[in-house]
Amino acid sequence: MLRALAVDDERPSLEELLYLLNADPRIGSAEGAGDATEALRRINRALESGPGGPEAIDVVFLDINMPGLDGLDLARLLTGFARPPLIVFVTAHEDFAVQAFDLKAVDYVLKPVRKERLAEAVRRVGELRGSAPRIPVSEPDPDQIPVELGGVTRFVAVDDITHVEAQGDYARLHTDRGSHLVRIPLSTLEDRWRARGFVRIHRRHLVALRHIGELRLDAGTVSVMVGSEELQVSRRHARELRDLLMRRT
């Protein structure tokens, strides 16, 4: 059973999060803190108590935008401890995802929090703590990829994705209608979508061959045009890319 601490300066959001946590059978106890300073005092007591002690905390569900010490500041402080609790960020802001995972966050949940999405975060924490049963998950649709925006899950057709950009532990999926951030490493998408015509052109970019409009050579540098965007091709990937494009032609 996981012991959780929820941290949010907005009382209604904190109460809603605590309600959802307490409704999850994998959560043994959940308590709240109204700001990062209060949370830090509570975490210090937990660390003094030890992993098996009565004050122990396994995971902190942490808001980011708070007055004074914010959630990212608190997470940075916790990285200095020998055995800190796991961190799940719960926020209305998508923009801090890369920083959050640089701080080794387990998950990044967007507000308004949905029960199913929070349950997935609890599952990840439980697997890391070795305390939660594995729940079978249905196989994803290979033609679509789920993305989250404002607490709503949408499904993007893989064929609509022009290219993918690495952003830490995240990947940004680009389409003609916009972009979406997903928590999947670029290397995983490279393996998964190789048979669908995606090719690595740079350590930061994966491109759908069918969406390449031009291959440009200029003074020894190689780039491709994907829609109106020009992407650099690294030297190590240039020959493979040219061969693939020639075979398609």
Protein backbone atom coordinates (compact mmCIF):
# COMPACT_ATOMS: atom_id res chain seq x y z
CA MET A 1 0.00 0.00 0.00
CA LEU A 2 1.42 3.33 -1.07
CA ARG A 3 1.66 6.31 1.28
CA ALA A 4 1.07 9.57 -0.57
CA LEU A 5 1.44 13.28 0.04
CA ALA A 6 -0.49 15.70 -2.21
CA VAL A 7 0.77 19.29 -2.46
CA ASP A 8 -1.33 22.12 -3.94
CA ASP A 9 -1.92 25.69 -2.82
CA GLU A 10 -5.46 25.72 -4.28
CA ARG A 11 -7.72 24.07 -1.71
CA PRO A 12 -10.39 22.74 -4.13
CA SER A 13 -7.72 21.14 -6.32
CA LEU A 14 -6.03 19.60 -3.27
CA GLU A 15 -9.29 18.18 -1.94
CA GLU A 16 -10.20 16.71 -5.34
CA LEU A 17 -6.77 15.10 -5.68
CA LEU A 18 -6.96 13.64 -2.17
CA TYR A 19 -10.44 12.28 -2.90
CA LEU A 20 -9.20 10.51 -6.04
CA LEU A 21 -6.12 9.15 -4.27
CA ASN A 22 -8.09 7.80 -1.33
CA ALA A 23 -10.48 6.09 -3.76
CA ASP A 24 -7.60 4.10 -5.27
CA PRO A 25 -7.18 0.73 -3.48
CA ARG A 26 -3.41 0.86 -3.98
CA ILE A 27 -3.13 4.01 -1.82
CA GLY A 28 -2.91 3.12 1.85
CA SER A 29 -2.90 6.72 3.09
CA ALA A 30 -3.01 10.17 1.48
CA GLU A 31 -2.51 13.49 3.23
CA GLY A 32 -2.30 17.03 1.94
CA ALA A 33 -0.07 20.09 2.20
CA GLY A 34 -1.05 23.59 1.13
CA ASP A 35 2.39 24.73 -0.03
CA ALA A 36 5.90 23.45 -0.73
CA THR A 37 7.30 24.66 2.61
CA GLU A 38 4.71 22.68 4.57
CA ALA A 39 5.36 19.70 2.31
CA LEU A 40 9.12 19.92 2.90
CA ARG A 41 8.61 19.81 6.68
CA ARG A 42 6.38 16.75 6.28
CA ILE A 43 8.89 15.04 3.97
CA ASN A 44 11.72 15.71 6.44
CA ARG A 45 9.72 13.89 9.12
CA ALA A 46 9.20 11.01 6.69
CA LEU A 47 12.90 10.77 5.93
CA GLU A 48 13.78 10.83 9.62
CA SER A 49 11.24 8.05 10.19
CA GLY A 50 12.87 5.85 7.56
CA PRO A 51 11.32 3.82 4.68
CA GLY A 52 9.41 1.51 7.03
CA GLY A 53 8.61 4.06 9.70
CA PRO A 54 5.16 5.35 10.66
CA GLU A 55 5.81 8.76 9.04
CA ALA A 56 7.14 7.36 5.74
CA ILE A 57 5.98 8.75 2.36
CA ASP A 58 6.37 6.79 -0.87
CA VAL A 59 5.23 9.40 -3.38
CA VAL A 60 4.51 13.12 -3.59
CA PHE A 61 1.83 14.35 -6.00
CA LEU A 62 3.12 17.85 -6.57
CA ASP A 63 1.67 20.98 -8.15
CA ILE A 64 4.16 23.25 -9.93
CA ASN A 65 2.79 26.79 -9.89
CA MET A 66 2.73 27.76 -6.20
CA PRO A 67 3.72 31.00 -4.42
CA GLY A 68 7.15 31.09 -2.82
CA LEU A 69 8.86 27.74 -3.22
CA ASP A 70 7.27 26.15 -6.30
CA GLY A 71 6.99 22.48 -7.19
CA LEU A 72 10.11 22.38 -9.33
CA ASP A 73 12.12 24.02 -6.53
CA LEU A 74 10.90 21.40 -4.08
CA ALA A 75 11.73 18.57 -6.49
CA ARG A 76 15.26 19.94 -6.91
CA LEU A 77 15.71 20.00 -3.13
CA LEU A 78 14.57 16.38 -2.88
CA THR A 79 17.20 15.22 -5.37
CA GLY A 80 19.79 16.02 -2.70
CA PHE A 81 18.37 13.43 -0.28
CA ALA A 82 19.64 9.84 -0.19
CA ARG A 83 16.17 8.19 -0.32
CA PRO A 84 13.61 10.80 -1.41
CA PRO A 85 10.01 9.90 -2.20
CA LEU A 86 8.98 9.51 -5.82
CA ILE A 87 7.52 12.56 -7.54
CA VAL A 88 4.43 12.84 -9.74
CA PHE A 89 3.74 16.36 -10.99
CA VAL A 90 0.07 17.37 -11.17
CA THR A 91 -0.30 20.68 -12.98
CA ALA A 92 -2.39 22.74 -15.38
CA HIS A 93 0.74 23.72 -17.34
CA GLU A 94 2.13 21.54 -20.13
CA ASP A 95 5.23 23.72 -20.58
CA PHE A 96 7.26 22.28 -17.67
CA ALA A 97 7.21 18.62 -18.75
CA VAL A 98 10.82 18.50 -19.94
CA GLN A 99 12.11 20.10 -16.72
CA ALA A 100 9.97 17.73 -14.67
CA PHE A 101 11.44 14.61 -16.21
CA ASP A 102 14.95 16.05 -15.96
CA LEU A 103 14.22 15.93 -12.22
CA LYS A 104 13.39 12.19 -12.52
CA ALA A 105 9.64 12.58 -12.08
CA VAL A 106 7.69 9.35 -12.43
CA ASP A 107 4.81 10.99 -14.28
CA TYR A 108 3.34 14.33 -15.35
CA VAL A 109 -0.45 14.57 -14.97
CA LEU A 110 -2.37 17.50 -16.42
CA LYS A 111 -5.30 19.17 -14.67
CA PRO A 112 -8.21 18.74 -14.55
CA VAL A 113 -7.19 15.33 -13.21
CA ARG A 114 -9.10 12.35 -14.56
CA LYS A 115 -9.50 9.24 -12.42
CA GLU A 116 -8.12 6.95 -15.16
CA ARG A 117 -5.06 9.13 -15.76
CA LEU A 118 -4.25 9.36 -12.05
CA ALA A 119 -4.65 5.58 -11.76
CA GLU A 120 -1.98 5.17 -14.45
CA ALA A 121 0.38 7.40 -12.46
CA VAL A 122 -0.28 5.34 -9.32
CA ARG A 123 0.44 2.18 -11.29
CA ARG A 124 3.82 3.53 -12.38
CA VAL A 125 4.70 4.51 -8.83
CA GLY A 126 3.61 1.11 -7.56
CA GLU A 127 5.77 -0.73 -10.06
CA LEU A 128 8.80 1.31 -9.03
CA ARG A 129 8.07 0.67 -5.36
CA GLY A 130 7.28 -2.99 -6.08
CA SER A 131 4.00 -2.69 -4.24
CA ALA A 132 1.27 -2.53 -6.86
CA PRO A 133 -0.21 -5.44 -8.80
CA ARG A 134 0.26 -5.32 -12.53
CA ILE A 135 -3.01 -4.67 -14.33
CA PRO A 136 -3.29 -6.04 -17.88
CA VAL A 137 -3.35 -3.28 -20.46
CA SER A 138 -4.91 -3.72 -23.87
CA GLU A 139 -2.63 -3.46 -26.89
CA PRO A 140 -2.54 0.06 -28.38
CA ASP A 141 -3.93 0.70 -31.84
CA PRO A 142 -0.84 0.69 -34.13
CA ASP A 143 -2.49 3.25 -36.44
CA GLN A 144 -3.05 5.82 -33.68
CA ILE A 145 -1.21 7.24 -30.70
CA PRO A 146 -2.98 8.71 -27.65
CA VAL A 147 -2.03 12.25 -26.61
CA GLU A 148 -3.25 14.36 -23.72
CA LEU A 149 -4.27 18.00 -23.87
CA GLY A 150 -5.95 19.76 -20.98
CA GLY A 151 -6.93 16.48 -19.33
CA VAL A 152 -8.54 15.13 -22.53
CA THR A 153 -7.08 12.12 -24.34
CA ARG A 154 -7.13 12.38 -28.12
CA PHE A 155 -5.92 9.95 -30.75
CA VAL A 156 -3.57 11.13 -33.49
CA ALA A 157 -3.24 9.05 -36.65
CA VAL A 158 0.37 7.96 -37.15
CA ASP A 159 0.03 8.67 -40.88
CA ASP A 160 -0.65 12.35 -40.04
CA ILE A 161 2.66 12.75 -38.16
CA THR A 162 5.27 14.47 -40.31
CA HIS A 163 8.17 14.30 -37.88
CA VAL A 164 9.03 13.75 -34.22
CA GLU A 165 11.34 15.85 -32.06
CA ALA A 166 13.09 14.57 -28.93
CA GLN A 167 12.55 16.62 -25.77
CA GLY A 168 14.20 14.81 -22.87
CA ASP A 169 12.13 11.75 -21.91
CA TYR A 170 9.34 13.18 -24.05
CA ALA A 171 8.78 13.32 -27.79
CA ARG A 172 6.92 16.08 -29.63
CA LEU A 173 4.78 14.80 -32.48
CA HIS A 174 4.38 17.29 -35.34
CA THR A 175 1.42 17.25 -37.71
CA ASP A 176 0.09 19.76 -40.23
CA ARG A 177 -2.43 20.91 -37.61
CA GLY A 178 -0.09 21.33 -34.64
CA SER A 179 2.10 19.39 -32.23
CA HIS A 180 1.59 17.10 -29.24
CA LEU A 181 3.89 16.11 -26.37
CA VAL A 182 3.96 12.43 -25.35
CA ARG A 183 6.04 10.66 -22.74
CA ILE A 184 7.76 8.20 -25.07
CA PRO A 185 11.51 8.26 -25.85
CA LEU A 186 12.41 8.97 -29.47
CA SER A 187 14.31 5.67 -29.66
CA THR A 188 11.11 3.76 -28.79
CA LEU A 189 9.15 5.47 -31.55
CA GLU A 190 12.03 4.83 -33.97
CA ASP A 191 11.80 1.08 -33.32
CA ARG A 192 8.00 1.05 -33.31
CA TRP A 193 7.52 3.06 -36.52
CA ARG A 194 10.47 1.93 -38.64
CA ALA A 195 8.20 -0.33 -40.70
CA ARG A 196 5.81 2.59 -41.23
CA GLY A 197 8.43 4.62 -43.05
CA PHE A 198 9.91 6.71 -40.24
CA VAL A 199 13.67 7.21 -40.30
CA ARG A 200 16.11 8.82 -37.88
CA ILE A 201 17.87 11.80 -39.48
CA HIS A 202 19.41 13.32 -36.36
CA ARG A 203 19.73 12.49 -32.66
CA ARG A 204 16.77 14.82 -32.11
CA HIS A 205 14.60 14.08 -35.15
CA LEU A 206 12.61 11.21 -36.61
CA VAL A 207 10.95 11.91 -39.98
CA ALA A 208 8.22 10.21 -42.04
CA LEU A 209 9.75 9.60 -45.47
CA ARG A 210 6.42 10.26 -47.23
CA HIS A 211 6.33 13.79 -45.81
CA ILE A 212 9.81 14.80 -47.06
CA GLY A 213 9.33 17.30 -49.88
CA GLU A 214 12.98 18.12 -50.65
CA LEU A 215 16.47 16.86 -49.92
CA ARG A 216 18.96 19.72 -49.89
CA LEU A 217 22.76 19.60 -50.19
CA ASP A 218 24.64 22.79 -49.41
CA ALA A 219 28.41 23.06 -48.81
CA GLY A 220 28.62 19.56 -47.39
CA THR A 221 25.54 19.85 -45.16
CA VAL A 222 22.34 17.92 -45.75
CA SER A 223 18.82 18.96 -44.80
CA VAL A 224 15.26 18.01 -45.66
CA MET A 225 12.12 20.05 -46.11
CA VAL A 226 9.11 18.70 -44.21
CA GLY A 227 6.24 20.99 -45.07
CA SER A 228 7.61 24.50 -44.51
CA GLU A 229 10.21 23.36 -41.95
CA GLU A 230 13.85 22.65 -42.79
CA LEU A 231 15.48 19.95 -40.65
CA GLN A 232 19.18 19.22 -40.49
CA VAL A 233 20.41 15.71 -41.29
CA SER A 234 23.43 14.53 -39.31
CA ARG A 235 26.40 13.19 -41.23
CA ARG A 236 26.00 9.67 -39.83
CA HIS A 237 22.40 9.44 -41.10
CA ALA A 238 22.81 11.23 -44.45
CA ARG A 239 23.82 8.24 -46.60
CA GLU A 240 21.07 5.98 -45.25
CA LEU A 241 18.49 8.70 -45.84
CA ARG A 242 19.60 9.28 -49.44
CA ASP A 243 19.46 5.52 -50.13
CA LEU A 244 15.97 5.24 -48.67
CA LEU A 245 14.68 8.17 -50.69
CA MET A 246 16.20 6.80 -53.89
CA ARG A 247 14.58 3.41 -53.31
CA ARG A 248 11.22 5.07 -52.74
CA THR A 249 11.64 6.96 -56.00
